[in-house]
């Protein structure tokens, strides 16, 4: 089974069980997860839920590699995102304690499975990212919602660059709610299963992390749309700005333009509204050649050298960009 459900001591335990695929979420897993969550939300003897990944990692995201390999099946692309986003929203509405253990890789769709629960535990091994601009997509699963709510444009920085965050920044930004040493996780799991209580370890934030020490610079640079951001980076001429320019030069230009607008537009929206917008976008972006080229290059061939079209951000007009935000598919009902 790719996903395992267990009931023990009033706790519903969900294990993502695809360790060889870094527990990537496929359509069947998302369907069963959604159904089980509905069942447990009404089941009186289930008082809390624990979500974990089998092996060393939590979840590397949605199984976009499978979507690429079945790219001629339009129905699966529509159904996957519809079910995934419904699952994200249902977790946000789940009426009971929901603890996710972010050990190892936590990326993309894996973030969406957990960030809306009320407890998100990071460890010394956590590697968190929203890396979608590297594959011709955008930070979805409600990414526009939680990234736009981070302070000082840090969410835009995370969403555009795909930078990897570790426990220090996750605690500082409030993305993770708790810290625990990875070597002691069994103790924490058992305590939560048996008592519903979460053992808390003290964590002192190191203010010398790249994000924290550059946070005011990030706020100024990542203001505005993608064209303004690039201009800000070029004018700044700091070592940090040069590094970011180099990172962005490798990302999909259309993904950067769309992600920037998406996060800007999301600031006053609810999670529900953000997911509805993201669903419409997903059904356009997933059919672009950039998505196929990005997934093939990064996840299949692994040469990390996709050819983007358009190749440069300044080739994307406002008119073309705005068309991606028009309602195209049937509305997503959450």
Protein backbone atom coordinates (compact mmCIF):
# COMPACT_ATOMS: atom_id res chain seq x y z
CA UNK A 1 0.00 0.00 0.00
CA UNK A 2 1.27 3.47 -0.94
CA UNK A 3 -0.55 4.96 2.05
CA UNK A 4 -1.30 3.21 5.34
CA UNK A 5 -3.98 4.07 7.90
CA UNK A 6 -3.95 2.85 11.48
CA UNK A 7 -6.16 3.62 14.47
CA UNK A 8 -4.48 3.41 17.85
CA UNK A 9 -5.36 4.97 21.22
CA UNK A 10 -7.81 7.49 19.74
CA UNK A 11 -5.20 8.49 17.16
CA UNK A 12 -5.52 8.14 13.41
CA UNK A 13 -2.04 7.46 12.02
CA UNK A 14 -1.36 8.13 8.33
CA UNK A 15 1.89 6.86 6.82
CA UNK A 16 2.92 7.93 3.32
CA UNK A 17 4.51 4.70 2.16
CA UNK A 18 6.51 5.27 -1.03
CA UNK A 19 10.02 5.69 0.40
CA UNK A 20 11.75 4.92 -2.93
CA UNK A 21 9.82 7.85 -4.45
CA UNK A 22 10.42 10.04 -1.36
CA UNK A 23 6.74 9.42 -0.51
CA UNK A 24 5.50 11.48 -3.48
CA UNK A 25 1.72 11.78 -3.51
CA UNK A 26 -0.11 10.15 -6.42
CA UNK A 27 -3.79 10.33 -7.37
CA UNK A 28 -4.83 7.10 -5.63
CA UNK A 29 -3.13 8.18 -2.39
CA UNK A 30 -4.83 11.58 -2.50
CA UNK A 31 -8.26 10.01 -3.05
CA UNK A 32 -7.94 7.56 -0.16
CA UNK A 33 -6.44 10.22 2.12
CA UNK A 34 -9.36 12.57 1.41
CA UNK A 35 -11.95 9.84 2.08
CA UNK A 36 -10.28 8.72 5.31
CA UNK A 37 -10.08 12.28 6.60
CA UNK A 38 -13.82 12.73 6.04
CA UNK A 39 -14.44 9.50 7.96
CA UNK A 40 -12.16 10.44 10.86
CA UNK A 41 -13.58 13.96 11.15
CA UNK A 42 -16.91 12.40 12.19
CA UNK A 43 -15.60 9.39 14.11
CA UNK A 44 -15.87 10.10 17.85
CA UNK A 45 -13.10 7.74 18.96
CA UNK A 46 -10.57 9.51 16.70
CA UNK A 47 -9.41 12.57 18.62
CA UNK A 48 -6.26 13.43 16.66
CA UNK A 49 -4.26 12.58 13.54
CA UNK A 50 -0.54 11.92 13.07
CA UNK A 51 0.91 12.23 9.55
CA UNK A 52 4.35 10.76 8.86
CA UNK A 53 6.47 9.60 5.94
CA UNK A 54 7.98 6.13 5.77
CA UNK A 55 11.78 6.12 5.83
CA UNK A 56 14.01 9.18 6.04
CA UNK A 57 11.69 11.67 4.34
CA UNK A 58 8.23 13.15 4.81
CA UNK A 59 7.05 13.86 1.24
CA UNK A 60 8.79 15.22 -1.86
CA UNK A 61 5.52 16.55 -3.29
CA UNK A 62 2.93 15.55 -5.83
CA UNK A 63 3.94 12.81 -8.23
CA UNK A 64 4.37 15.10 -11.25
CA UNK A 65 6.71 12.57 -12.83
CA UNK A 66 3.74 10.21 -13.25
CA UNK A 67 1.69 13.06 -14.71
CA UNK A 68 4.46 13.61 -17.26
CA UNK A 69 4.68 9.91 -18.13
CA UNK A 70 0.89 9.83 -18.70
CA UNK A 71 0.86 13.27 -20.33
CA UNK A 72 -1.64 12.26 -23.02
CA UNK A 73 -4.27 11.47 -20.37
CA UNK A 74 -5.97 14.84 -19.87
CA UNK A 75 -8.48 13.42 -17.39
CA UNK A 76 -5.78 12.34 -14.94
CA UNK A 77 -4.25 15.84 -14.94
CA UNK A 78 -7.60 17.41 -14.19
CA UNK A 79 -8.54 14.87 -11.54
CA UNK A 80 -5.17 14.89 -9.78
CA UNK A 81 -5.16 18.63 -9.07
CA UNK A 82 -8.86 18.66 -8.24
CA UNK A 83 -8.47 15.92 -5.62
CA UNK A 84 -5.16 17.27 -4.30
CA UNK A 85 -6.54 20.76 -3.71
CA UNK A 86 -9.74 19.37 -2.16
CA UNK A 87 -7.52 17.39 0.21
CA UNK A 88 -5.50 20.51 1.09
CA UNK A 89 -8.68 22.39 1.93
CA UNK A 90 -10.17 19.51 3.93
CA UNK A 91 -7.03 19.42 6.11
CA UNK A 92 -7.47 23.14 6.81
CA UNK A 93 -11.04 22.42 7.94
CA UNK A 94 -10.25 19.27 9.94
CA UNK A 95 -11.76 19.78 13.41
CA UNK A 96 -9.22 17.77 15.42
CA UNK A 97 -5.53 17.89 16.34
CA UNK A 98 -3.35 17.28 13.27
CA UNK A 99 0.39 16.73 13.73
CA UNK A 100 2.76 16.34 10.79
CA UNK A 101 6.37 15.33 11.34
CA UNK A 102 8.55 17.17 8.85
CA UNK A 103 11.58 14.91 8.91
CA UNK A 104 13.78 14.97 5.81
CA UNK A 105 12.39 16.34 2.54
CA UNK A 106 9.17 18.40 2.70
CA UNK A 107 8.43 19.92 -0.69
CA UNK A 108 5.55 21.13 -2.84
CA UNK A 109 2.58 18.82 -2.42
CA UNK A 110 4.10 17.51 0.81
CA UNK A 111 3.82 21.02 2.23
CA UNK A 112 0.17 21.14 1.14
CA UNK A 113 -0.59 17.92 3.03
CA UNK A 114 0.66 19.34 6.30
CA UNK A 115 0.89 23.10 6.53
CA UNK A 116 -2.83 23.53 7.23
CA UNK A 117 -2.75 21.20 10.23
CA UNK A 118 -2.28 22.88 13.61
CA UNK A 119 1.06 21.21 14.47
CA UNK A 120 4.05 21.03 12.10
CA UNK A 121 7.18 19.62 13.66
CA UNK A 122 10.58 20.29 12.09
CA UNK A 123 13.77 18.40 12.93
CA UNK A 124 17.49 18.89 12.43
CA UNK A 125 17.07 16.97 9.13
CA UNK A 126 14.20 18.98 7.61
CA UNK A 127 14.61 20.29 4.05
CA UNK A 128 11.60 22.43 3.10
CA UNK A 129 11.03 23.99 -0.34
CA UNK A 130 8.50 25.07 -2.94
CA UNK A 131 10.58 24.23 -6.04
CA UNK A 132 7.93 24.39 -8.77
CA UNK A 133 9.48 27.21 -10.83
CA UNK A 134 12.27 24.75 -11.71
CA UNK A 135 9.81 22.51 -13.59
CA UNK A 136 7.67 25.04 -15.44
CA UNK A 137 4.93 25.16 -12.81
CA UNK A 138 4.11 27.44 -9.84
CA UNK A 139 3.94 27.11 -6.03
CA UNK A 140 0.48 25.56 -5.71
CA UNK A 141 -1.36 23.52 -3.00
CA UNK A 142 -2.31 26.88 -1.51
CA UNK A 143 1.22 28.20 -1.83
CA UNK A 144 -0.10 31.57 -2.93
CA UNK A 145 -2.01 31.73 0.37
CA UNK A 146 0.66 30.80 2.90
CA UNK A 147 3.55 32.44 1.02
CA UNK A 148 1.68 35.74 0.65
CA UNK A 149 1.05 35.74 4.41
CA UNK A 150 4.74 35.58 5.31
CA UNK A 151 6.35 38.90 6.33
CA UNK A 152 8.61 41.17 4.29
CA UNK A 153 8.10 39.48 0.88
CA UNK A 154 9.90 36.37 2.14
CA UNK A 155 7.11 34.23 0.66
CA UNK A 156 7.80 35.59 -2.81
CA UNK A 157 11.51 34.94 -2.31
CA UNK A 158 10.77 31.32 -1.29
CA UNK A 159 8.28 30.75 -4.11
CA UNK A 160 10.36 32.23 -6.92
CA UNK A 161 13.81 30.91 -5.97
CA UNK A 162 12.76 27.50 -4.61
CA UNK A 163 15.33 27.99 -1.85
CA UNK A 164 15.62 25.18 0.70
CA UNK A 165 14.70 26.12 4.26
CA UNK A 166 15.93 24.29 7.33
CA UNK A 167 14.58 24.24 10.87
CA UNK A 168 15.98 27.63 11.92
CA UNK A 169 14.13 29.59 9.24
CA UNK A 170 11.02 27.43 9.50
CA UNK A 171 10.67 28.21 13.21
CA UNK A 172 11.53 31.89 12.69
CA UNK A 173 8.88 32.29 9.97
CA UNK A 174 6.25 30.25 11.80
CA UNK A 175 6.02 27.67 9.02
CA UNK A 176 6.97 25.03 11.58
CA UNK A 177 5.30 25.19 14.99
CA UNK A 178 7.67 22.92 16.92
CA UNK A 179 11.18 21.46 16.90
CA UNK A 180 12.35 18.01 17.95
CA UNK A 181 15.59 16.09 17.43
CA UNK A 182 15.26 13.50 14.69
CA UNK A 183 16.97 10.83 16.81
CA UNK A 184 14.16 11.06 19.39
CA UNK A 185 11.16 11.00 17.06
CA UNK A 186 9.85 7.62 18.21
CA UNK A 187 9.51 9.03 21.72
CA UNK A 188 7.57 12.00 20.42
CA UNK A 189 5.30 9.87 18.20
CA UNK A 190 4.47 7.43 20.99
CA UNK A 191 3.73 10.24 23.43
CA UNK A 192 1.36 11.90 20.96
CA UNK A 193 -0.39 8.61 20.13
CA UNK A 194 -0.83 7.66 23.77
CA UNK A 195 -1.63 11.02 25.37
CA UNK A 196 -2.29 13.54 22.60
CA UNK A 197 0.49 15.71 24.00
CA UNK A 198 3.48 16.98 22.04
CA UNK A 199 6.84 16.98 23.79
CA UNK A 200 8.48 20.33 23.13
CA UNK A 201 12.19 20.99 22.87
CA UNK A 202 13.64 24.46 23.22
CA UNK A 203 15.02 25.96 20.04
CA UNK A 204 17.15 29.09 19.93
CA UNK A 205 16.93 30.91 16.62
CA UNK A 206 20.23 31.73 14.94
CA UNK A 207 19.85 35.20 13.44
CA UNK A 208 22.82 34.69 11.12
CA UNK A 209 20.87 32.55 8.65
CA UNK A 210 20.82 33.88 5.08
CA UNK A 211 17.12 34.74 5.17
CA UNK A 212 17.14 36.43 8.57
CA UNK A 213 20.25 38.55 8.02
CA UNK A 214 19.00 39.62 4.56
CA UNK A 215 15.32 40.01 5.45
CA UNK A 216 15.15 43.78 4.95
CA UNK A 217 16.96 43.43 1.63
CA UNK A 218 14.50 40.68 0.60
CA UNK A 219 11.59 42.96 1.50
CA UNK A 220 12.89 45.74 -0.74
CA UNK A 221 14.05 43.58 -3.64
CA UNK A 222 10.98 41.34 -3.90
CA UNK A 223 8.51 44.23 -4.04
CA UNK A 224 6.39 44.47 -7.20
CA UNK A 225 6.06 42.19 -10.22
CA UNK A 226 8.79 39.98 -11.67
CA UNK A 227 10.15 42.73 -13.95
CA UNK A 228 10.50 45.08 -10.98
CA UNK A 229 12.16 42.33 -8.93
CA UNK A 230 14.75 41.68 -11.66
CA UNK A 231 15.41 45.43 -11.92
CA UNK A 232 15.77 45.70 -8.14
CA UNK A 233 18.26 42.82 -8.12
CA UNK A 234 20.33 44.33 -10.93
CA UNK A 235 20.41 47.74 -9.24
CA UNK A 236 21.32 46.38 -5.81
CA UNK A 237 24.67 44.87 -6.85
CA UNK A 238 25.23 43.04 -3.56
CA UNK A 239 26.65 39.54 -3.35
CA UNK A 240 23.23 38.30 -2.20
CA UNK A 241 21.49 39.94 -5.19
CA UNK A 242 23.98 38.45 -7.65
CA UNK A 243 23.35 35.02 -6.20
CA UNK A 244 19.56 35.43 -6.52
CA UNK A 245 19.86 36.67 -10.11
CA UNK A 246 21.86 33.58 -10.99
CA UNK A 247 19.26 31.32 -9.36
CA UNK A 248 16.34 33.02 -11.15
CA UNK A 249 18.14 32.84 -14.52
CA UNK A 250 17.76 29.05 -14.40
CA UNK A 251 14.04 29.06 -13.55
CA UNK A 252 11.18 28.97 -16.05
CA UNK A 253 10.45 32.61 -17.05
CA UNK A 254 6.69 32.03 -17.41
CA UNK A 255 6.64 30.30 -14.01
CA UNK A 256 8.39 33.29 -12.43
CA UNK A 257 5.98 35.79 -13.99
CA UNK A 258 2.91 33.76 -13.01
CA UNK A 259 4.15 32.96 -9.49
CA UNK A 260 4.97 36.59 -8.76
CA UNK A 261 1.53 37.80 -9.88
CA UNK A 262 -0.20 34.91 -8.10
CA UNK A 263 1.45 35.69 -4.75
CA UNK A 264 0.91 39.45 -5.15
CA UNK A 265 -2.79 38.94 -5.90
CA UNK A 266 -3.30 36.53 -2.99
CA UNK A 267 -2.58 38.92 -0.14
CA UNK A 268 -6.22 39.57 0.77
CA UNK A 269 -7.65 36.22 -0.34
CA UNK A 270 -8.82 33.23 1.68
CA UNK A 271 -7.27 29.79 1.27
CA UNK A 272 -10.42 28.71 -0.57
CA UNK A 273 -10.11 31.55 -3.07
CA UNK A 274 -6.39 30.85 -3.56
CA UNK A 275 -6.96 27.15 -4.25
CA UNK A 276 -9.72 27.98 -6.74
CA UNK A 277 -7.39 30.34 -8.61
CA UNK A 278 -4.55 27.81 -8.50
CA UNK A 279 -6.79 25.11 -9.95
CA UNK A 280 -7.59 27.28 -12.98
CA UNK A 281 -3.88 28.02 -13.39
CA UNK A 282 -2.88 24.38 -13.01
CA UNK A 283 -5.10 23.39 -15.91
CA UNK A 284 -3.23 25.79 -18.18
CA UNK A 285 0.32 25.37 -16.90
CA UNK A 286 0.30 21.58 -16.92
CA UNK A 287 -0.34 21.54 -20.69
CA UNK A 288 2.50 23.89 -21.56
CA UNK A 289 5.66 22.50 -23.12
CA UNK A 290 7.61 24.14 -20.30
CA UNK A 291 6.00 21.74 -17.82
CA UNK A 292 6.89 18.67 -19.89
CA UNK A 293 10.41 19.96 -20.54
CA UNK A 294 10.94 20.90 -16.91
CA UNK A 295 9.75 17.61 -15.43
CA UNK A 296 11.65 15.61 -18.05
CA UNK A 297 14.88 17.53 -17.46
CA UNK A 298 14.75 17.73 -13.65
CA UNK A 299 12.98 14.51 -12.63
CA UNK A 300 13.37 12.06 -15.54
CA UNK A 301 16.66 12.71 -17.36
CA UNK A 302 18.02 14.71 -14.40
CA UNK A 303 20.29 16.84 -16.60
CA UNK A 304 18.77 20.02 -15.09
CA UNK A 305 18.96 21.84 -18.41
CA UNK A 306 15.40 22.50 -19.61
CA UNK A 307 14.80 24.73 -22.64
CA UNK A 308 12.17 27.31 -21.75
CA UNK A 309 9.80 29.07 -24.14
CA UNK A 310 9.73 32.02 -23.86
CA UNK A 311 13.37 32.00 -22.86
CA UNK A 312 13.38 35.42 -21.18
CA UNK A 313 11.04 37.22 -18.81
CA UNK A 314 11.00 40.39 -20.92
CA UNK A 315 9.37 38.38 -23.73
CA UNK A 316 6.19 37.94 -21.64
CA UNK A 317 3.61 40.69 -22.16
CA UNK A 318 1.11 41.76 -19.50
CA UNK A 319 -1.70 40.73 -21.87
CA UNK A 320 -0.35 37.18 -22.23
CA UNK A 321 0.25 36.91 -18.48
CA UNK A 322 -3.26 38.06 -17.58
CA UNK A 323 -4.85 35.46 -19.88
CA UNK A 324 -3.50 32.71 -17.62
CA UNK A 325 -5.62 34.10 -14.79
CA UNK A 326 -8.89 33.96 -16.72
CA UNK A 327 -11.36 31.23 -15.72
CA UNK A 328 -10.90 28.36 -18.13
CA UNK A 329 -12.07 25.11 -16.58
CA UNK A 330 -15.13 24.30 -14.55
CA UNK A 331 -14.84 25.92 -11.13
CA UNK A 332 -13.26 23.90 -8.32
CA UNK A 333 -15.88 23.34 -5.62
CA UNK A 334 -14.31 22.84 -2.20
